[in-house]
Every structure is written in C-alpha cells, then in structure tokens.
Amino acid sequence: MPNGVKKANLPQKTCLRCGKPFSWRKKWEKVWEQLKYCSEKCKKNPKK
C-alpha cells in the first residue's frame, strides 16, 4: 500500500464469520490476500 493513501480509500473486506467490514492495516500488508476474518475471536469461534 503506497504512503499517503487516505483512510477512506483503503481496501476493505467483509468478515466471513460476523459479516462486518474491516479495512486494510499495515500489519496485514503481507497476508491481506489470505485474510478471511476481522479478528482472532471470529477466527476461533464457530458461527452462532
């Protein structure tokens, strides 16, 4: 992700577990394509 990109223009995904949208973060830069869940909680807990 290039420097100077406004927060409103960051890529977004929808969590497969809870359905909430989440935005790109620097710490996810190398694994963004593999991300499916917005948090560890959603990743570990089965859907209710």
C-alpha atoms as a PDB file:
ATOM      1  CA  MET A   1       0.000   0.000   0.000  1.00  0.00           C
ATOM      2  CA  PRO A   2       1.562   3.300  -1.020  1.00  0.00           C
ATOM      3  CA  ASN A   3       2.142   6.036   1.511  1.00  0.00           C
ATOM      4  CA  GLY A   4      -0.292   8.920   1.503  1.00  0.00           C
ATOM      5  CA  VAL A   5      -3.451   6.881   0.857  1.00  0.00           C
ATOM      6  CA  LYS A   6      -6.443   8.312   2.712  1.00  0.00           C
ATOM      7  CA  LYS A   7      -8.218   6.032   5.175  1.00  0.00           C
ATOM      8  CA  ALA A   8     -11.431   6.287   3.178  1.00  0.00           C
ATOM      9  CA  ASN A   9      -9.632   4.799   0.147  1.00  0.00           C
ATOM     10  CA  LEU A  10      -8.112   1.745   1.862  1.00  0.00           C
ATOM     11  CA  PRO A  11      -9.226  -1.686   0.637  1.00  0.00           C
ATOM     12  CA  GLN A  12     -11.967  -3.397   2.629  1.00  0.00           C
ATOM     13  CA  LYS A  13     -13.123  -6.964   3.130  1.00  0.00           C
ATOM     14  CA  THR A  14     -16.149  -8.483   4.838  1.00  0.00           C
ATOM     15  CA  CYS A  15     -15.589 -10.935   7.693  1.00  0.00           C
ATOM     16  CA  LEU A  16     -16.835 -14.408   6.779  1.00  0.00           C
ATOM     17  CA  ARG A  17     -17.923 -15.069  10.376  1.00  0.00           C
ATOM     18  CA  CYS A  18     -19.702 -11.908  11.581  1.00  0.00           C
ATOM     19  CA  GLY A  19     -20.282 -10.092   8.287  1.00  0.00           C
ATOM     20  CA  LYS A  20     -18.726  -6.818   9.447  1.00  0.00           C
ATOM     21  CA  PRO A  21     -16.438  -4.895   7.095  1.00  0.00           C
ATOM     22  CA  PHE A  22     -12.787  -4.415   8.031  1.00  0.00           C
ATOM     23  CA  SER A  23     -10.141  -2.241   6.410  1.00  0.00           C
ATOM     24  CA  TRP A  24      -6.554  -2.853   5.350  1.00  0.00           C
ATOM     25  CA  ARG A  25      -3.922  -2.421   8.083  1.00  0.00           C
ATOM     26  CA  LYS A  26      -0.167  -2.092   7.770  1.00  0.00           C
ATOM     27  CA  LYS A  27       0.366  -5.198   9.936  1.00  0.00           C
ATOM     28  CA  TRP A  28      -1.698  -7.212   7.423  1.00  0.00           C
ATOM     29  CA  GLU A  29       0.271  -5.971   4.408  1.00  0.00           C
ATOM     30  CA  LYS A  30       1.913  -9.320   3.582  1.00  0.00           C
ATOM     31  CA  VAL A  31      -1.147 -11.511   4.312  1.00  0.00           C
ATOM     32  CA  TRP A  32      -4.029  -9.303   3.103  1.00  0.00           C
ATOM     33  CA  GLU A  33      -4.980 -11.701   0.301  1.00  0.00           C
ATOM     34  CA  GLN A  34      -5.326 -14.624   2.757  1.00  0.00           C
ATOM     35  CA  LEU A  35      -7.372 -12.802   5.427  1.00  0.00           C
ATOM     36  CA  LYS A  36     -10.928 -14.040   5.899  1.00  0.00           C
ATOM     37  CA  TYR A  37     -11.839 -12.868   9.414  1.00  0.00           C
ATOM     38  CA  CYS A  38     -11.797  -9.469  11.121  1.00  0.00           C
ATOM     39  CA  SER A  39     -10.323 -10.716  14.412  1.00  0.00           C
ATOM     40  CA  GLU A  40      -8.905 -13.706  16.250  1.00  0.00           C
ATOM     41  CA  LYS A  41     -12.233 -14.014  18.068  1.00  0.00           C
ATOM     42  CA  CYS A  42     -14.096 -14.514  14.793  1.00  0.00           C
ATOM     43  CA  LYS A  43     -11.414 -16.869  13.529  1.00  0.00           C
ATOM     44  CA  LYS A  44     -11.634 -19.155  16.578  1.00  0.00           C
ATOM     45  CA  ASN A  45     -15.348 -19.096  17.429  1.00  0.00           C
ATOM     46  CA  PRO A  46     -17.940 -21.051  15.439  1.00  0.00           C
ATOM     47  CA  LYS A  47     -20.780 -19.052  13.906  1.00  0.00           C
ATOM     48  CA  LYS A  48     -23.828 -18.794  16.126  1.00  0.00           C
END
